[in-house]
Amino acid sequence: MIKTIVEKEIANYEWIDIFEPTSEDFTFIKERYNLNEASIKDSKEPEHLPKIEEFENYTFIILRVMSDNFKENSDSIGEVTDRLTIFYGSDFVITVHKRRIEFLEKLKNIEFTNVKTKNSRKLSVFITTAAVFTFSKTLEQLSTRIDSYEELIFLKRMKQQPVLKNLYFIKRQIDVARKVIFLYKEVIEHFHSSSKKDVYTRDLKDLQIRTSTLYENLSENVAQLLNVFFNISSNHTNEIMRILTIFSVFFMPITFVAGVYGMNFKNMPELEWYYGYPIAIAIMIVISLAIYLWFKRKGWL
């Protein structure tokens, strides 16, 4: 669906927004604005990573925007982020997206004659800044989820499988965001080149660097939490093995005594003793008591 947001009578450029684009929509903008077939093809790929290409009469940009409601078990770039394509020339801006993007809806209601959006390039910088900011907003959500699993690992007893599974998805989502934010660097360098940079492109660059750093820290936190989880699980397993080992040490000599007198050979005089049974039980008790005192002295109990 093609919708004109800004007309040339209002600003010195027009902004056309295409939501859920069809082949006819792409054919229309290609012919009207003389767009290259290669950029049209790239804009149709649902999981295309951020990139920028400059043509003779326009600049082509692919952005990734953090989805507003991605599922907790999302792990691919197409599930975690949405694609936003921008074509901008001297007198036009075209945005193309398949899913509804919240900040675009808000941008449609701003004043297009102010300094932030006075030309097509500044509007593209404004949109790119808003796209990067979506990753910054998601940081709080991811941090809260990590904190909740940290509490589960340290303070509560959780089954291993659900914790590992959920931490895996968080790690994948952070890795996707890190990759996309890193690839924004080329787009930002285009806007912040020496001949074109201003306070708004500087803010965009600072936002990208800060967001990238925060995601790096978040990735390290998840990695450390996974290491702690594995260490706790390993210690728990070691504790179980220690208890089982102690039990086996207690029962091995007792089993040996019971095994010897359970063979029932004919020439075993102890089998004829009147007090043979209580003596055998007493031997087992003494052995167990001796093992207990020895373990206690060694500090193993």
C-alpha atoms as a PDB file:
ATOM      1  CA  MET A   1       0.000   0.000   0.000  1.00  0.00           C
ATOM      2  CA  ILE A   2       1.499   3.304  -1.137  1.00  0.00           C
ATOM      3  CA  LYS A   3       0.828   6.394   0.950  1.00  0.00           C
ATOM      4  CA  THR A   4       2.174   9.908   0.465  1.00  0.00           C
ATOM      5  CA  ILE A   5       3.227  11.327   3.847  1.00  0.00           C
ATOM      6  CA  VAL A   6       4.767  14.611   2.716  1.00  0.00           C
ATOM      7  CA  GLU A   7       4.185  16.450  -0.529  1.00  0.00           C
ATOM      8  CA  LYS A   8       6.564  18.867  -2.229  1.00  0.00           C
ATOM      9  CA  GLU A   9       4.195  21.732  -1.520  1.00  0.00           C
ATOM     10  CA  ILE A  10       4.883  21.276   2.212  1.00  0.00           C
ATOM     11  CA  ALA A  11       8.612  20.528   2.069  1.00  0.00           C
ATOM     12  CA  ASN A  12      11.133  20.629  -0.754  1.00  0.00           C
ATOM     13  CA  TYR A  13      10.802  16.862  -1.114  1.00  0.00           C
ATOM     14  CA  GLU A  14       8.105  14.201  -0.982  1.00  0.00           C
ATOM     15  CA  TRP A  15       7.995  11.244   1.372  1.00  0.00           C
ATOM     16  CA  ILE A  16       6.252   8.092   0.175  1.00  0.00           C
ATOM     17  CA  ASP A  17       5.687   5.230   2.604  1.00  0.00           C
ATOM     18  CA  ILE A  18       4.961   1.722   1.295  1.00  0.00           C
ATOM     19  CA  PHE A  19       3.475  -0.749   3.777  1.00  0.00           C
ATOM     20  CA  GLU A  20       3.254  -4.453   2.827  1.00  0.00           C
ATOM     21  CA  PRO A  21       4.671  -3.784  -0.660  1.00  0.00           C
ATOM     22  CA  THR A  22       3.519  -5.700  -3.716  1.00  0.00           C
ATOM     23  CA  SER A  23       5.285  -6.314  -7.022  1.00  0.00           C
ATOM     24  CA  GLU A  24       3.154  -3.559  -8.544  1.00  0.00           C
ATOM     25  CA  ASP A  25       4.317  -1.119  -5.869  1.00  0.00           C
ATOM     26  CA  PHE A  26       7.972  -1.852  -6.637  1.00  0.00           C
ATOM     27  CA  THR A  27       7.334  -1.514 -10.371  1.00  0.00           C
ATOM     28  CA  PHE A  28       5.668   1.861  -9.784  1.00  0.00           C
ATOM     29  CA  ILE A  29       8.504   3.397  -7.738  1.00  0.00           C
ATOM     30  CA  LYS A  30      11.156   1.879 -10.009  1.00  0.00           C
ATOM     31  CA  GLU A  31       9.699   3.571 -13.081  1.00  0.00           C
ATOM     32  CA  ARG A  32       8.721   6.846 -11.409  1.00  0.00           C
ATOM     33  CA  TYR A  33      12.027   7.456  -9.601  1.00  0.00           C
ATOM     34  CA  ASN A  34      14.348   5.603 -11.969  1.00  0.00           C
ATOM     35  CA  LEU A  35      15.521   3.082  -9.368  1.00  0.00           C
ATOM     36  CA  ASN A  36      18.104   0.405 -10.070  1.00  0.00           C
ATOM     37  CA  GLU A  37      16.871  -3.187 -10.405  1.00  0.00           C
ATOM     38  CA  ALA A  38      19.586  -4.428  -8.012  1.00  0.00           C
ATOM     39  CA  SER A  39      18.354  -2.236  -5.156  1.00  0.00           C
ATOM     40  CA  ILE A  40      14.760  -3.295  -5.845  1.00  0.00           C
ATOM     41  CA  LYS A  41      15.839  -6.939  -5.617  1.00  0.00           C
ATOM     42  CA  ASP A  42      17.724  -6.359  -2.348  1.00  0.00           C
ATOM     43  CA  SER A  43      14.749  -4.568  -0.802  1.00  0.00           C
ATOM     44  CA  LYS A  44      12.609  -7.680  -1.356  1.00  0.00           C
ATOM     45  CA  GLU A  45      14.883  -9.996   0.680  1.00  0.00           C
ATOM     46  CA  PRO A  46      13.231 -10.383   4.113  1.00  0.00           C
ATOM     47  CA  GLU A  47      16.414 -11.056   6.134  1.00  0.00           C
ATOM     48  CA  HIS A  48      18.830  -8.730   4.338  1.00  0.00           C
ATOM     49  CA  LEU A  49      21.400  -7.180   6.666  1.00  0.00           C
ATOM     50  CA  PRO A  50      21.951  -3.398   6.887  1.00  0.00           C
ATOM     51  CA  LYS A  51      23.741  -1.917   3.895  1.00  0.00           C
ATOM     52  CA  ILE A  52      24.052   1.303   1.921  1.00  0.00           C
ATOM     53  CA  GLU A  53      24.647   1.912  -1.771  1.00  0.00           C
ATOM     54  CA  GLU A  54      24.943   5.205  -3.609  1.00  0.00           C
ATOM     55  CA  PHE A  55      23.602   5.533  -7.142  1.00  0.00           C
ATOM     56  CA  GLU A  56      23.693   8.439  -9.535  1.00  0.00           C
ATOM     57  CA  ASN A  57      20.326   9.894  -8.570  1.00  0.00           C
ATOM     58  CA  TYR A  58      19.591   8.373  -5.152  1.00  0.00           C
ATOM     59  CA  THR A  59      20.960   6.528  -2.129  1.00  0.00           C
ATOM     60  CA  PHE A  60      19.689   3.085  -1.168  1.00  0.00           C
ATOM     61  CA  ILE A  61      19.694   1.991   2.500  1.00  0.00           C
ATOM     62  CA  ILE A  62      18.539  -1.188   4.218  1.00  0.00           C
ATOM     63  CA  LEU A  63      17.984  -0.888   7.967  1.00  0.00           C
ATOM     64  CA  ARG A  64      16.960  -3.450  10.570  1.00  0.00           C
ATOM     65  CA  VAL A  65      14.585  -2.356  13.322  1.00  0.00           C
ATOM     66  CA  MET A  66      14.100  -4.221  16.594  1.00  0.00           C
ATOM     67  CA  SER A  67      10.623  -5.754  16.539  1.00  0.00           C
ATOM     68  CA  ASP A  68       8.199  -4.371  19.098  1.00  0.00           C
ATOM     69  CA  ASN A  69       6.812  -7.769  20.135  1.00  0.00           C
ATOM     70  CA  PHE A  70       9.292 -10.468  19.216  1.00  0.00           C
ATOM     71  CA  LYS A  71       8.725 -13.783  20.977  1.00  0.00           C
ATOM     72  CA  GLU A  72      11.020 -14.958  23.769  1.00  0.00           C
ATOM     73  CA  ASN A  73      11.953 -18.033  21.725  1.00  0.00           C
ATOM     74  CA  SER A  74      12.948 -15.980  18.663  1.00  0.00           C
ATOM     75  CA  ASP A  75      16.498 -16.542  17.470  1.00  0.00           C
ATOM     76  CA  SER A  76      16.732 -15.466  13.802  1.00  0.00           C
ATOM     77  CA  ILE A  77      17.227 -12.012  12.337  1.00  0.00           C
ATOM     78  CA  GLY A  78      13.828 -12.170  10.643  1.00  0.00           C
ATOM     79  CA  GLU A  79      12.070 -12.884  13.954  1.00  0.00           C
ATOM     80  CA  VAL A  80      13.973 -10.479  16.178  1.00  0.00           C
ATOM     81  CA  THR A  81      14.138  -7.531  13.753  1.00  0.00           C
ATOM     82  CA  ASP A  82      12.084  -5.976  10.955  1.00  0.00           C
ATOM     83  CA  ARG A  83      13.449  -4.714   7.648  1.00  0.00           C
ATOM     84  CA  LEU A  84      13.125  -1.037   6.738  1.00  0.00           C
ATOM     85  CA  THR A  85      14.271   0.094   3.294  1.00  0.00           C
ATOM     86  CA  ILE A  86      14.972   3.726   2.405  1.00  0.00           C
ATOM     87  CA  PHE A  87      15.451   5.247  -1.046  1.00  0.00           C
ATOM     88  CA  TYR A  88      16.304   8.929  -0.901  1.00  0.00           C
ATOM     89  CA  GLY A  89      17.248  11.424  -3.567  1.00  0.00           C
ATOM     90  CA  SER A  90      17.425  15.198  -3.715  1.00  0.00           C
ATOM     91  CA  ASP A  91      13.655  15.590  -3.826  1.00  0.00           C
ATOM     92  CA  PHE A  92      12.187  12.333  -2.526  1.00  0.00           C
ATOM     93  CA  VAL A  93      12.287   9.790   0.302  1.00  0.00           C
ATOM     94  CA  ILE A  94      10.732   6.338  -0.046  1.00  0.00           C
ATOM     95  CA  THR A  95      10.370   4.003   2.937  1.00  0.00           C
ATOM     96  CA  VAL A  96       9.382   0.386   2.425  1.00  0.00           C
ATOM     97  CA  HIS A  97       8.463  -2.046   5.204  1.00  0.00           C
ATOM     98  CA  LYS A  98       6.404  -5.212   5.527  1.00  0.00           C
ATOM     99  CA  ARG A  99       5.456  -4.895   9.193  1.00  0.00           C
ATOM    100  CA  ARG A 100       4.086  -1.921  11.079  1.00  0.00           C
ATOM    101  CA  ILE A 101       6.900   0.141  12.596  1.00  0.00           C
ATOM    102  CA  GLU A 102       5.848   2.218  15.566  1.00  0.00           C
ATOM    103  CA  PHE A 103       8.300   5.101  15.269  1.00  0.00           C
ATOM    104  CA  LEU A 104       7.424   5.627  11.596  1.00  0.00           C
ATOM    105  CA  GLU A 105       3.807   6.194  12.577  1.00  0.00           C
ATOM    106  CA  LYS A 106       4.930   8.857  15.039  1.00  0.00           C
ATOM    107  CA  LEU A 107       7.252  10.510  12.522  1.00  0.00           C
ATOM    108  CA  LYS A 108       4.359  11.013  10.124  1.00  0.00           C
ATOM    109  CA  ASN A 109       2.866  13.591  12.485  1.00  0.00           C
ATOM    110  CA  ILE A 110       5.908  15.830  12.989  1.00  0.00           C
ATOM    111  CA  GLU A 111       6.557  19.228  11.441  1.00  0.00           C
ATOM    112  CA  PHE A 112       8.513  18.621   8.231  1.00  0.00           C
ATOM    113  CA  THR A 113       9.767  22.166   7.869  1.00  0.00           C
ATOM    114  CA  ASN A 114      11.939  22.102  11.010  1.00  0.00           C
ATOM    115  CA  VAL A 115      15.708  21.809  10.913  1.00  0.00           C
ATOM    116  CA  LYS A 116      15.737  18.045  11.635  1.00  0.00           C
ATOM    117  CA  THR A 117      13.702  17.193   8.535  1.00  0.00           C
ATOM    118  CA  LYS A 118      14.180  20.172   6.225  1.00  0.00           C
ATOM    119  CA  ASN A 119      15.536  18.020   3.378  1.00  0.00           C
ATOM    120  CA  SER A 120      15.470  14.390   2.268  1.00  0.00           C
ATOM    121  CA  ARG A 121      18.894  13.589   3.667  1.00  0.00           C
ATOM    122  CA  LYS A 122      18.086  14.951   7.128  1.00  0.00           C
ATOM    123  CA  LEU A 123      14.833  12.996   7.178  1.00  0.00           C
ATOM    124  CA  SER A 124      16.803   9.830   6.339  1.00  0.00           C
ATOM    125  CA  VAL A 125      19.213  10.595   9.213  1.00  0.00           C
ATOM    126  CA  PHE A 126      16.226  11.113  11.504  1.00  0.00           C
ATOM    127  CA  ILE A 127      14.704   7.760  10.491  1.00  0.00           C
ATOM    128  CA  THR A 128      18.045   5.946  10.886  1.00  0.00           C
ATOM    129  CA  THR A 129      18.495   7.425  14.371  1.00  0.00           C
ATOM    130  CA  ALA A 130      15.032   6.227  15.363  1.00  0.00           C
ATOM    131  CA  ALA A 131      15.856   2.760  13.975  1.00  0.00           C
ATOM    132  CA  VAL A 132      19.043   2.519  16.066  1.00  0.00           C
ATOM    133  CA  PHE A 133      17.142   3.745  19.105  1.00  0.00           C
ATOM    134  CA  THR A 134      14.815   0.722  18.917  1.00  0.00           C
ATOM    135  CA  PHE A 135      17.798  -1.462  19.852  1.00  0.00           C
ATOM    136  CA  SER A 136      18.572   0.826  22.773  1.00  0.00           C
ATOM    137  CA  LYS A 137      14.974   0.489  24.032  1.00  0.00           C
ATOM    138  CA  THR A 138      15.144  -3.317  23.908  1.00  0.00           C
ATOM    139  CA  LEU A 139      18.229  -3.365  26.145  1.00  0.00           C
ATOM    140  CA  GLU A 140      16.115  -2.815  29.253  1.00  0.00           C
ATOM    141  CA  GLN A 141      13.827  -5.723  28.375  1.00  0.00           C
ATOM    142  CA  LEU A 142      16.747  -8.084  27.783  1.00  0.00           C
ATOM    143  CA  SER A 143      18.499  -6.919  30.972  1.00  0.00           C
ATOM    144  CA  THR A 144      15.364  -7.601  33.010  1.00  0.00           C
ATOM    145  CA  ARG A 145      15.112 -11.130  31.615  1.00  0.00           C
ATOM    146  CA  ILE A 146      18.776 -11.801  32.372  1.00  0.00           C
ATOM    147  CA  ASP A 147      18.330 -10.527  35.950  1.00  0.00           C
ATOM    148  CA  SER A 148      15.343 -12.842  36.457  1.00  0.00           C
ATOM    149  CA  TYR A 149      17.347 -15.896  35.339  1.00  0.00           C
ATOM    150  CA  GLU A 150      20.267 -14.809  37.488  1.00  0.00           C
ATOM    151  CA  GLU A 151      17.918 -14.851  40.487  1.00  0.00           C
ATOM    152  CA  LEU A 152      16.621 -18.288  39.517  1.00  0.00           C
ATOM    153  CA  ILE A 153      20.138 -19.688  39.207  1.00  0.00           C
ATOM    154  CA  PHE A 154      21.468 -18.294  42.476  1.00  0.00           C
ATOM    155  CA  LEU A 155      18.434 -18.301  44.754  1.00  0.00           C
ATOM    156  CA  LYS A 156      16.039 -20.948  43.473  1.00  0.00           C
ATOM    157  CA  ARG A 157      16.264 -24.512  42.304  1.00  0.00           C
ATOM    158  CA  MET A 158      15.293 -24.770  38.650  1.00  0.00           C
ATOM    159  CA  LYS A 159      15.426 -27.658  36.259  1.00  0.00           C
ATOM    160  CA  GLN A 160      18.470 -27.455  34.032  1.00  0.00           C
ATOM    161  CA  GLN A 161      16.767 -27.747  30.648  1.00  0.00           C
ATOM    162  CA  PRO A 162      14.390 -24.715  30.799  1.00  0.00           C
ATOM    163  CA  VAL A 163      17.138 -22.400  32.095  1.00  0.00           C
ATOM    164  CA  LEU A 164      19.604 -23.430  29.404  1.00  0.00           C
ATOM    165  CA  LYS A 165      16.976 -23.158  26.686  1.00  0.00           C
ATOM    166  CA  ASN A 166      15.861 -19.675  27.702  1.00  0.00           C
ATOM    167  CA  LEU A 167      19.404 -18.400  28.176  1.00  0.00           C
ATOM    168  CA  TYR A 168      20.227 -19.726  24.706  1.00  0.00           C
ATOM    169  CA  PHE A 169      17.416 -17.647  23.156  1.00  0.00           C
ATOM    170  CA  ILE A 170      18.498 -14.534  25.050  1.00  0.00           C
ATOM    171  CA  LYS A 171      22.065 -15.043  23.867  1.00  0.00           C
ATOM    172  CA  ARG A 172      20.918 -15.487  20.257  1.00  0.00           C
ATOM    173  CA  GLN A 173      18.789 -12.335  20.411  1.00  0.00           C
ATOM    174  CA  ILE A 174      21.707 -10.333  21.767  1.00  0.00           C
ATOM    175  CA  ASP A 175      24.018 -11.743  19.079  1.00  0.00           C
ATOM    176  CA  VAL A 176      21.537 -10.751  16.357  1.00  0.00           C
ATOM    177  CA  ALA A 177      21.296  -7.217  17.746  1.00  0.00           C
ATOM    178  CA  ARG A 178      25.089  -6.936  18.027  1.00  0.00           C
ATOM    179  CA  LYS A 179      25.545  -8.005  14.421  1.00  0.00           C
ATOM    180  CA  VAL A 180      22.967  -5.516  13.138  1.00  0.00           C
ATOM    181  CA  ILE A 181      24.313  -2.629  15.234  1.00  0.00           C
ATOM    182  CA  PHE A 182      27.829  -3.338  13.984  1.00  0.00           C
ATOM    183  CA  LEU A 183      26.663  -3.266  10.358  1.00  0.00           C
ATOM    184  CA  TYR A 184      25.015   0.115  10.957  1.00  0.00           C
ATOM    185  CA  LYS A 185      28.524   1.547  11.045  1.00  0.00           C
ATOM    186  CA  GLU A 186      28.749   1.792   7.251  1.00  0.00           C
ATOM    187  CA  VAL A 187      25.420   3.624   7.027  1.00  0.00           C
ATOM    188  CA  ILE A 188      26.417   6.054   9.771  1.00  0.00           C
ATOM    189  CA  GLU A 189      29.792   6.749   8.191  1.00  0.00           C
ATOM    190  CA  HIS A 190      27.939   7.714   5.016  1.00  0.00           C
ATOM    191  CA  PHE A 191      25.872  10.289   6.895  1.00  0.00           C
ATOM    192  CA  HIS A 192      28.762  11.452   9.084  1.00  0.00           C
ATOM    193  CA  SER A 193      31.310  11.983   6.318  1.00  0.00           C
ATOM    194  CA  SER A 194      33.504  15.067   6.676  1.00  0.00           C
ATOM    195  CA  SER A 195      31.563  17.111   4.124  1.00  0.00           C
ATOM    196  CA  LYS A 196      28.098  16.255   5.486  1.00  0.00           C
ATOM    197  CA  LYS A 197      28.425  15.790   9.237  1.00  0.00           C
ATOM    198  CA  ASP A 198      26.466  17.931  11.676  1.00  0.00           C
ATOM    199  CA  VAL A 199      25.143  17.705  15.222  1.00  0.00           C
ATOM    200  CA  TYR A 200      22.441  15.204  14.220  1.00  0.00           C
ATOM    201  CA  THR A 201      24.835  12.808  12.488  1.00  0.00           C
ATOM    202  CA  ARG A 202      27.136  13.131  15.505  1.00  0.00           C
ATOM    203  CA  ASP A 203      24.242  12.148  17.780  1.00  0.00           C
ATOM    204  CA  LEU A 204      23.520   9.194  15.484  1.00  0.00           C
ATOM    205  CA  LYS A 205      27.130   8.031  15.662  1.00  0.00           C
ATOM    206  CA  ASP A 206      27.237   8.405  19.458  1.00  0.00           C
ATOM    207  CA  LEU A 207      24.000   6.440  19.779  1.00  0.00           C
ATOM    208  CA  GLN A 208      25.372   3.611  17.634  1.00  0.00           C
ATOM    209  CA  ILE A 209      28.623   3.431  19.627  1.00  0.00           C
ATOM    210  CA  ARG A 210      26.846   3.531  22.983  1.00  0.00           C
ATOM    211  CA  THR A 211      24.274   0.910  21.943  1.00  0.00           C
ATOM    212  CA  SER A 212      26.974  -1.344  20.532  1.00  0.00           C
ATOM    213  CA  THR A 213      28.964  -1.095  23.774  1.00  0.00           C
ATOM    214  CA  LEU A 214      25.924  -1.884  25.914  1.00  0.00           C
ATOM    215  CA  TYR A 215      25.129  -4.965  23.846  1.00  0.00           C
ATOM    216  CA  GLU A 216      28.740  -6.092  24.176  1.00  0.00           C
ATOM    217  CA  ASN A 217      28.422  -5.799  27.958  1.00  0.00           C
ATOM    218  CA  LEU A 218      25.109  -7.640  27.888  1.00  0.00           C
ATOM    219  CA  SER A 219      26.655 -10.441  25.835  1.00  0.00           C
ATOM    220  CA  GLU A 220      29.475 -10.768  28.376  1.00  0.00           C
ATOM    221  CA  ASN A 221      26.929 -10.891  31.221  1.00  0.00           C
ATOM    222  CA  VAL A 222      25.064 -13.757  29.560  1.00  0.00           C
ATOM    223  CA  ALA A 223      28.321 -15.638  28.932  1.00  0.00           C
ATOM    224  CA  GLN A 224      29.334 -15.214  32.584  1.00  0.00           C
ATOM    225  CA  LEU A 225      25.887 -16.293  33.752  1.00  0.00           C
ATOM    226  CA  LEU A 226      26.112 -19.428  31.621  1.00  0.00           C
ATOM    227  CA  ASN A 227      29.537 -20.201  33.127  1.00  0.00           C
ATOM    228  CA  VAL A 228      28.151 -19.728  36.634  1.00  0.00           C
ATOM    229  CA  PHE A 229      25.196 -21.963  35.803  1.00  0.00           C
ATOM    230  CA  PHE A 230      27.484 -24.722  34.508  1.00  0.00           C
ATOM    231  CA  ASN A 231      29.719 -24.390  37.575  1.00  0.00           C
ATOM    232  CA  ILE A 232      26.744 -24.617  39.931  1.00  0.00           C
ATOM    233  CA  SER A 233      25.411 -27.624  38.025  1.00  0.00           C
ATOM    234  CA  SER A 234      28.852 -29.224  38.139  1.00  0.00           C
ATOM    235  CA  ASN A 235      29.160 -28.592  41.879  1.00  0.00           C
ATOM    236  CA  HIS A 236      25.702 -30.053  42.432  1.00  0.00           C
ATOM    237  CA  THR A 237      26.678 -33.156  40.447  1.00  0.00           C
ATOM    238  CA  ASN A 238      29.922 -33.440  42.402  1.00  0.00           C
ATOM    239  CA  GLU A 239      27.974 -33.214  45.671  1.00  0.00           C
ATOM    240  CA  ILE A 240      25.671 -36.029  44.557  1.00  0.00           C
ATOM    241  CA  MET A 241      28.662 -38.163  43.546  1.00  0.00           C
ATOM    242  CA  ARG A 242      30.328 -37.445  46.896  1.00  0.00           C
ATOM    243  CA  ILE A 243      27.261 -38.644  48.811  1.00  0.00           C
ATOM    244  CA  LEU A 244      26.957 -41.751  46.641  1.00  0.00           C
ATOM    245  CA  THR A 245      30.665 -42.470  47.128  1.00  0.00           C
ATOM    246  CA  ILE A 246      30.303 -42.202  50.905  1.00  0.00           C
ATOM    247  CA  PHE A 247      27.394 -44.642  50.838  1.00  0.00           C
ATOM    248  CA  SER A 248      29.371 -47.073  48.684  1.00  0.00           C
ATOM    249  CA  VAL A 249      32.382 -46.869  51.035  1.00  0.00           C
ATOM    250  CA  PHE A 250      30.143 -47.728  53.974  1.00  0.00           C
ATOM    251  CA  PHE A 251      28.454 -50.637  52.258  1.00  0.00           C
ATOM    252  CA  MET A 252      31.415 -52.227  50.467  1.00  0.00           C
ATOM    253  CA  PRO A 253      33.029 -53.844  53.588  1.00  0.00           C
ATOM    254  CA  ILE A 254      29.596 -54.762  54.955  1.00  0.00           C
ATOM    255  CA  THR A 255      28.725 -56.393  51.638  1.00  0.00           C
ATOM    256  CA  PHE A 256      32.057 -58.215  51.704  1.00  0.00           C
ATOM    257  CA  VAL A 257      31.347 -59.686  55.165  1.00  0.00           C
ATOM    258  CA  ALA A 258      27.808 -60.672  54.128  1.00  0.00           C
ATOM    259  CA  GLY A 259      29.144 -62.174  50.891  1.00  0.00           C
ATOM    260  CA  VAL A 260      31.753 -64.283  52.643  1.00  0.00           C
ATOM    261  CA  TYR A 261      29.285 -65.841  55.069  1.00  0.00           C
ATOM    262  CA  GLY A 262      26.672 -66.221  52.395  1.00  0.00           C
ATOM    263  CA  MET A 263      28.743 -68.709  50.362  1.00  0.00           C
ATOM    264  CA  ASN A 264      27.578 -71.648  52.548  1.00  0.00           C
ATOM    265  CA  PHE A 265      30.635 -73.842  52.071  1.00  0.00           C
ATOM    266  CA  LYS A 266      30.546 -77.102  54.086  1.00  0.00           C
ATOM    267  CA  ASN A 267      33.841 -76.503  55.937  1.00  0.00           C
ATOM    268  CA  MET A 268      32.964 -73.073  57.397  1.00  0.00           C
ATOM    269  CA  PRO A 269      33.017 -73.532  61.211  1.00  0.00           C
ATOM    270  CA  GLU A 270      31.521 -70.062  61.775  1.00  0.00           C
ATOM    271  CA  LEU A 271      28.249 -71.266  60.251  1.00  0.00           C
ATOM    272  CA  GLU A 272      27.784 -73.615  63.198  1.00  0.00           C
ATOM    273  CA  TRP A 273      28.399 -70.987  65.889  1.00  0.00           C
ATOM    274  CA  TYR A 274      25.472 -70.245  68.106  1.00  0.00           C
ATOM    275  CA  TYR A 275      26.434 -66.570  68.240  1.00  0.00           C
ATOM    276  CA  GLY A 276      27.636 -66.382  64.616  1.00  0.00           C
ATOM    277  CA  TYR A 277      24.823 -64.134  63.397  1.00  0.00           C
ATOM    278  CA  PRO A 278      25.080 -61.456  66.158  1.00  0.00           C
ATOM    279  CA  ILE A 279      28.888 -61.514  65.868  1.00  0.00           C
ATOM    280  CA  ALA A 280      28.636 -60.877  62.083  1.00  0.00           C
ATOM    281  CA  ILE A 281      26.210 -57.987  62.686  1.00  0.00           C
ATOM    282  CA  ALA A 282      28.522 -56.595  65.372  1.00  0.00           C
ATOM    283  CA  ILE A 283      31.488 -56.759  62.956  1.00  0.00           C
ATOM    284  CA  MET A 284      29.465 -54.826  60.355  1.00  0.00           C
ATOM    285  CA  ILE A 285      28.527 -52.165  62.924  1.00  0.00           C
ATOM    286  CA  VAL A 286      32.127 -51.805  64.113  1.00  0.00           C
ATOM    287  CA  ILE A 287      33.381 -51.459  60.535  1.00  0.00           C
ATOM    288  CA  SER A 288      30.727 -48.829  59.762  1.00  0.00           C
ATOM    289  CA  LEU A 289      31.535 -46.938  62.961  1.00  0.00           C
ATOM    290  CA  ALA A 290      35.255 -47.013  62.179  1.00  0.00           C
ATOM    291  CA  ILE A 291      34.652 -45.673  58.661  1.00  0.00           C
ATOM    292  CA  TYR A 292      32.390 -42.933  60.056  1.00  0.00           C
ATOM    293  CA  LEU A 293      34.999 -41.818  62.611  1.00  0.00           C
ATOM    294  CA  TRP A 294      37.720 -41.845  59.966  1.00  0.00           C
ATOM    295  CA  PHE A 295      35.626 -39.718  57.556  1.00  0.00           C
ATOM    296  CA  LYS A 296      34.765 -37.350  60.399  1.00  0.00           C
ATOM    297  CA  ARG A 297      38.437 -36.965  61.333  1.00  0.00           C
ATOM    298  CA  LYS A 298      39.318 -36.206  57.696  1.00  0.00           C
ATOM    299  CA  GLY A 299      36.525 -33.633  57.454  1.00  0.00           C
ATOM    300  CA  TRP A 300      34.724 -35.459  54.644  1.00  0.00           C
ATOM    301  CA  LEU A 301      31.377 -35.488  56.494  1.00  0.00           C
END
